[in-house]
Amino acid sequence: MTGEDVRNFLFRRRYAYMATFKGPLAEEVLADLARFCRVHESTFDADPRVHAMLEGRREVALRILNHLQMSPESLWDLYAKGQSGK
């Protein structure tokens, strides 16, 4: 894949996230995910397995929010820095 192919892929994926999470009930779903995934609070738990599970939930929610809130250029910059493929 060329750099332009990757860039187009990222822009299309952002569009897909926007189309999925911008409907009439999107805010309700996103608010539920934010609570369930602990987007705005610590995921720490004394049990390392519970902590890992909670951190995984949070990572997924943050990915969704990044695609909704970041500009296509910012997503491209994040990808170019090697951080978006995690």
N, C-alpha and C. Protein backbone atom coordinates (compact mmCIF):
# COMPACT_ATOMS: atom_id res chain seq x y z
N MET A 1 0.83 -1.18 0.00
CA MET A 1 0.00 0.00 0.00
C MET A 1 0.88 1.25 0.00
N THR A 2 0.52 2.19 -0.81
CA THR A 2 1.23 3.46 -0.82
C THR A 2 0.74 4.34 0.32
N GLY A 3 1.47 5.39 0.58
CA GLY A 3 1.05 6.34 1.60
C GLY A 3 -0.32 6.92 1.31
N GLU A 4 -0.57 7.18 0.03
CA GLU A 4 -1.87 7.73 -0.37
C GLU A 4 -2.99 6.71 -0.15
N ASP A 5 -2.71 5.42 -0.41
CA ASP A 5 -3.70 4.37 -0.15
C ASP A 5 -4.04 4.29 1.33
N VAL A 6 -3.03 4.37 2.16
CA VAL A 6 -3.25 4.32 3.62
C VAL A 6 -4.05 5.53 4.06
N ARG A 7 -3.69 6.68 3.56
CA ARG A 7 -4.41 7.91 3.91
C ARG A 7 -5.88 7.80 3.51
N ASN A 8 -6.15 7.32 2.31
CA ASN A 8 -7.54 7.14 1.85
C ASN A 8 -8.27 6.13 2.72
N PHE A 9 -7.58 5.06 3.10
CA PHE A 9 -8.18 4.05 3.98
C PHE A 9 -8.58 4.67 5.32
N LEU A 10 -7.67 5.46 5.91
CA LEU A 10 -7.96 6.10 7.19
C LEU A 10 -9.14 7.06 7.09
N PHE A 11 -9.19 7.82 6.00
CA PHE A 11 -10.28 8.77 5.83
C PHE A 11 -11.61 8.03 5.65
N ARG A 12 -11.59 6.93 4.91
CA ARG A 12 -12.82 6.16 4.71
C ARG A 12 -13.26 5.53 6.03
N ARG A 13 -12.31 5.03 6.80
CA ARG A 13 -12.64 4.41 8.09
C ARG A 13 -13.24 5.46 9.03
N ARG A 14 -12.68 6.66 9.03
CA ARG A 14 -13.25 7.73 9.86
C ARG A 14 -14.68 8.02 9.42
N TYR A 15 -14.92 8.05 8.12
CA TYR A 15 -16.28 8.28 7.61
C TYR A 15 -17.22 7.17 8.11
N ALA A 16 -16.75 5.93 8.11
CA ALA A 16 -17.57 4.81 8.58
C ALA A 16 -17.92 4.97 10.07
N TYR A 17 -16.94 5.39 10.87
CA TYR A 17 -17.21 5.63 12.29
C TYR A 17 -18.24 6.76 12.43
N MET A 18 -18.06 7.83 11.65
CA MET A 18 -18.97 8.96 11.72
C MET A 18 -20.39 8.54 11.33
N ALA A 19 -20.52 7.76 10.28
CA ALA A 19 -21.84 7.31 9.83
C ALA A 19 -22.50 6.41 10.87
N THR A 20 -21.70 5.62 11.55
CA THR A 20 -22.23 4.68 12.55
C THR A 20 -22.61 5.38 13.85
N PHE A 21 -21.78 6.33 14.29
CA PHE A 21 -21.97 6.93 15.61
C PHE A 21 -22.47 8.37 15.57
N LYS A 22 -23.17 8.75 14.52
CA LYS A 22 -23.73 10.10 14.45
C LYS A 22 -25.24 10.08 14.18
N GLY A 23 -25.90 8.97 14.45
CA GLY A 23 -27.34 8.87 14.23
C GLY A 23 -28.12 9.47 15.38
N PRO A 24 -29.44 9.31 15.34
CA PRO A 24 -30.32 9.94 16.34
C PRO A 24 -30.10 9.43 17.77
N LEU A 25 -29.63 8.22 17.92
CA LEU A 25 -29.41 7.67 19.27
C LEU A 25 -27.93 7.58 19.62
N ALA A 26 -27.09 8.15 18.79
CA ALA A 26 -25.64 8.03 18.97
C ALA A 26 -25.17 8.59 20.30
N GLU A 27 -25.66 9.74 20.70
CA GLU A 27 -25.21 10.34 21.96
C GLU A 27 -25.52 9.43 23.15
N GLU A 28 -26.68 8.79 23.11
CA GLU A 28 -27.05 7.87 24.18
C GLU A 28 -26.11 6.67 24.23
N VAL A 29 -25.80 6.12 23.07
CA VAL A 29 -24.89 4.97 22.99
C VAL A 29 -23.48 5.38 23.43
N LEU A 30 -23.01 6.52 22.95
CA LEU A 30 -21.66 6.97 23.31
C LEU A 30 -21.56 7.27 24.81
N ALA A 31 -22.60 7.82 25.40
CA ALA A 31 -22.59 8.08 26.84
C ALA A 31 -22.54 6.77 27.62
N ASP A 32 -23.29 5.77 27.16
CA ASP A 32 -23.27 4.46 27.81
C ASP A 32 -21.88 3.83 27.69
N LEU A 33 -21.29 3.89 26.50
CA LEU A 33 -19.94 3.34 26.32
C LEU A 33 -18.93 4.07 27.19
N ALA A 34 -19.05 5.39 27.30
CA ALA A 34 -18.12 6.15 28.13
C ALA A 34 -18.19 5.70 29.59
N ARG A 35 -19.39 5.46 30.08
CA ARG A 35 -19.54 4.98 31.46
C ARG A 35 -18.99 3.56 31.59
N PHE A 36 -19.44 2.67 30.72
CA PHE A 36 -19.05 1.26 30.80
C PHE A 36 -17.55 1.08 30.62
N CYS A 37 -16.95 1.88 29.75
CA CYS A 37 -15.53 1.74 29.43
C CYS A 37 -14.64 2.64 30.28
N ARG A 38 -15.24 3.36 31.19
CA ARG A 38 -14.49 4.24 32.11
C ARG A 38 -13.60 5.23 31.36
N VAL A 39 -14.18 5.88 30.38
CA VAL A 39 -13.43 6.83 29.57
C VAL A 39 -12.92 8.00 30.41
N HIS A 40 -13.71 8.44 31.39
CA HIS A 40 -13.37 9.64 32.15
C HIS A 40 -12.96 9.33 33.59
N GLU A 41 -12.53 8.11 33.83
CA GLU A 41 -12.09 7.75 35.18
C GLU A 41 -11.00 6.71 35.10
N SER A 42 -10.37 6.46 36.21
CA SER A 42 -9.28 5.50 36.27
C SER A 42 -9.78 4.08 36.03
N THR A 43 -8.94 3.29 35.40
CA THR A 43 -9.25 1.88 35.20
C THR A 43 -8.50 1.00 36.20
N PHE A 44 -7.83 1.62 37.15
CA PHE A 44 -7.03 0.84 38.10
C PHE A 44 -7.90 -0.13 38.89
N ASP A 45 -7.36 -1.32 39.07
CA ASP A 45 -7.93 -2.32 39.96
C ASP A 45 -6.76 -3.10 40.53
N ALA A 46 -6.86 -3.47 41.78
CA ALA A 46 -5.77 -4.21 42.43
C ALA A 46 -5.53 -5.56 41.76
N ASP A 47 -6.57 -6.12 41.19
CA ASP A 47 -6.44 -7.40 40.47
C ASP A 47 -5.94 -7.08 39.05
N PRO A 48 -4.74 -7.56 38.69
CA PRO A 48 -4.18 -7.23 37.37
C PRO A 48 -5.06 -7.68 36.21
N ARG A 49 -5.79 -8.76 36.37
CA ARG A 49 -6.66 -9.23 35.29
C ARG A 49 -7.84 -8.27 35.09
N VAL A 50 -8.43 -7.84 36.17
CA VAL A 50 -9.54 -6.88 36.08
C VAL A 50 -9.03 -5.57 35.49
N HIS A 51 -7.86 -5.13 35.96
CA HIS A 51 -7.28 -3.89 35.44
C HIS A 51 -7.05 -4.00 33.93
N ALA A 52 -6.51 -5.11 33.47
CA ALA A 52 -6.26 -5.29 32.03
C ALA A 52 -7.57 -5.28 31.25
N MET A 53 -8.60 -5.92 31.78
CA MET A 53 -9.90 -5.93 31.10
C MET A 53 -10.46 -4.52 30.98
N LEU A 54 -10.41 -3.77 32.09
CA LEU A 54 -10.94 -2.41 32.09
C LEU A 54 -10.14 -1.51 31.15
N GLU A 55 -8.84 -1.68 31.11
CA GLU A 55 -8.01 -0.87 30.21
C GLU A 55 -8.30 -1.20 28.75
N GLY A 56 -8.59 -2.47 28.47
CA GLY A 56 -8.97 -2.87 27.11
C GLY A 56 -10.28 -2.22 26.69
N ARG A 57 -11.25 -2.22 27.58
CA ARG A 57 -12.52 -1.55 27.28
C ARG A 57 -12.28 -0.07 26.96
N ARG A 58 -11.47 0.56 27.79
CA ARG A 58 -11.20 1.99 27.63
C ARG A 58 -10.51 2.27 26.30
N GLU A 59 -9.58 1.43 25.92
CA GLU A 59 -8.86 1.61 24.65
C GLU A 59 -9.82 1.58 23.46
N VAL A 60 -10.78 0.67 23.48
CA VAL A 60 -11.75 0.59 22.40
C VAL A 60 -12.61 1.86 22.35
N ALA A 61 -13.10 2.31 23.49
CA ALA A 61 -13.91 3.52 23.53
C ALA A 61 -13.12 4.73 23.04
N LEU A 62 -11.86 4.83 23.44
CA LEU A 62 -11.04 5.95 23.00
C LEU A 62 -10.79 5.91 21.49
N ARG A 63 -10.68 4.73 20.93
CA ARG A 63 -10.51 4.62 19.48
C ARG A 63 -11.74 5.17 18.76
N ILE A 64 -12.92 4.79 19.25
CA ILE A 64 -14.16 5.30 18.66
C ILE A 64 -14.18 6.83 18.76
N LEU A 65 -13.91 7.35 19.95
CA LEU A 65 -13.94 8.80 20.15
C LEU A 65 -12.90 9.52 19.30
N ASN A 66 -11.72 8.93 19.15
CA ASN A 66 -10.71 9.54 18.28
C ASN A 66 -11.23 9.69 16.86
N HIS A 67 -11.86 8.65 16.36
CA HIS A 67 -12.36 8.70 14.99
C HIS A 67 -13.51 9.71 14.83
N LEU A 68 -14.23 9.97 15.90
CA LEU A 68 -15.32 10.93 15.83
C LEU A 68 -14.86 12.36 16.05
N GLN A 69 -13.83 12.55 16.86
CA GLN A 69 -13.45 13.89 17.27
C GLN A 69 -12.22 14.44 16.55
N MET A 70 -11.37 13.59 16.07
CA MET A 70 -10.15 14.06 15.42
C MET A 70 -10.40 14.33 13.94
N SER A 71 -9.70 15.30 13.41
CA SER A 71 -9.79 15.57 11.97
C SER A 71 -9.10 14.44 11.21
N PRO A 72 -9.44 14.25 9.95
CA PRO A 72 -8.74 13.23 9.16
C PRO A 72 -7.22 13.45 9.16
N GLU A 73 -6.80 14.69 9.13
CA GLU A 73 -5.37 14.98 9.13
C GLU A 73 -4.72 14.58 10.45
N SER A 74 -5.42 14.80 11.56
CA SER A 74 -4.88 14.39 12.86
C SER A 74 -4.79 12.87 12.97
N LEU A 75 -5.79 12.17 12.44
CA LEU A 75 -5.73 10.71 12.42
C LEU A 75 -4.54 10.24 11.58
N TRP A 76 -4.32 10.89 10.45
CA TRP A 76 -3.19 10.56 9.59
C TRP A 76 -1.88 10.77 10.35
N ASP A 77 -1.77 11.89 11.06
CA ASP A 77 -0.56 12.17 11.83
C ASP A 77 -0.33 11.11 12.89
N LEU A 78 -1.42 10.70 13.55
CA LEU A 78 -1.32 9.66 14.57
C LEU A 78 -0.84 8.35 13.95
N TYR A 79 -1.42 8.01 12.80
CA TYR A 79 -1.00 6.79 12.11
C TYR A 79 0.47 6.88 11.68
N ALA A 80 0.82 8.02 11.13
CA ALA A 80 2.20 8.20 10.64
C ALA A 80 3.22 8.08 11.76
N LYS A 81 2.82 8.41 12.96
CA LYS A 81 3.71 8.28 14.12
C LYS A 81 3.75 6.85 14.65
N GLY A 82 2.97 5.96 14.04
CA GLY A 82 2.98 4.55 14.43
C GLY A 82 2.16 4.22 15.65
N GLN A 83 1.20 5.07 15.98
CA GLN A 83 0.42 4.83 17.19
C GLN A 83 -0.97 4.31 16.92
N SER A 84 -1.48 4.38 15.71
CA SER A 84 -2.87 4.02 15.48
C SER A 84 -3.09 2.54 15.24
N GLY A 85 -2.05 1.77 14.97
CA GLY A 85 -2.22 0.36 14.68
C GLY A 85 -2.29 -0.53 15.88
N LYS A 86 -2.27 0.05 17.05
CA LYS A 86 -2.29 -0.75 18.29
C LYS A 86 -3.65 -1.31 18.54
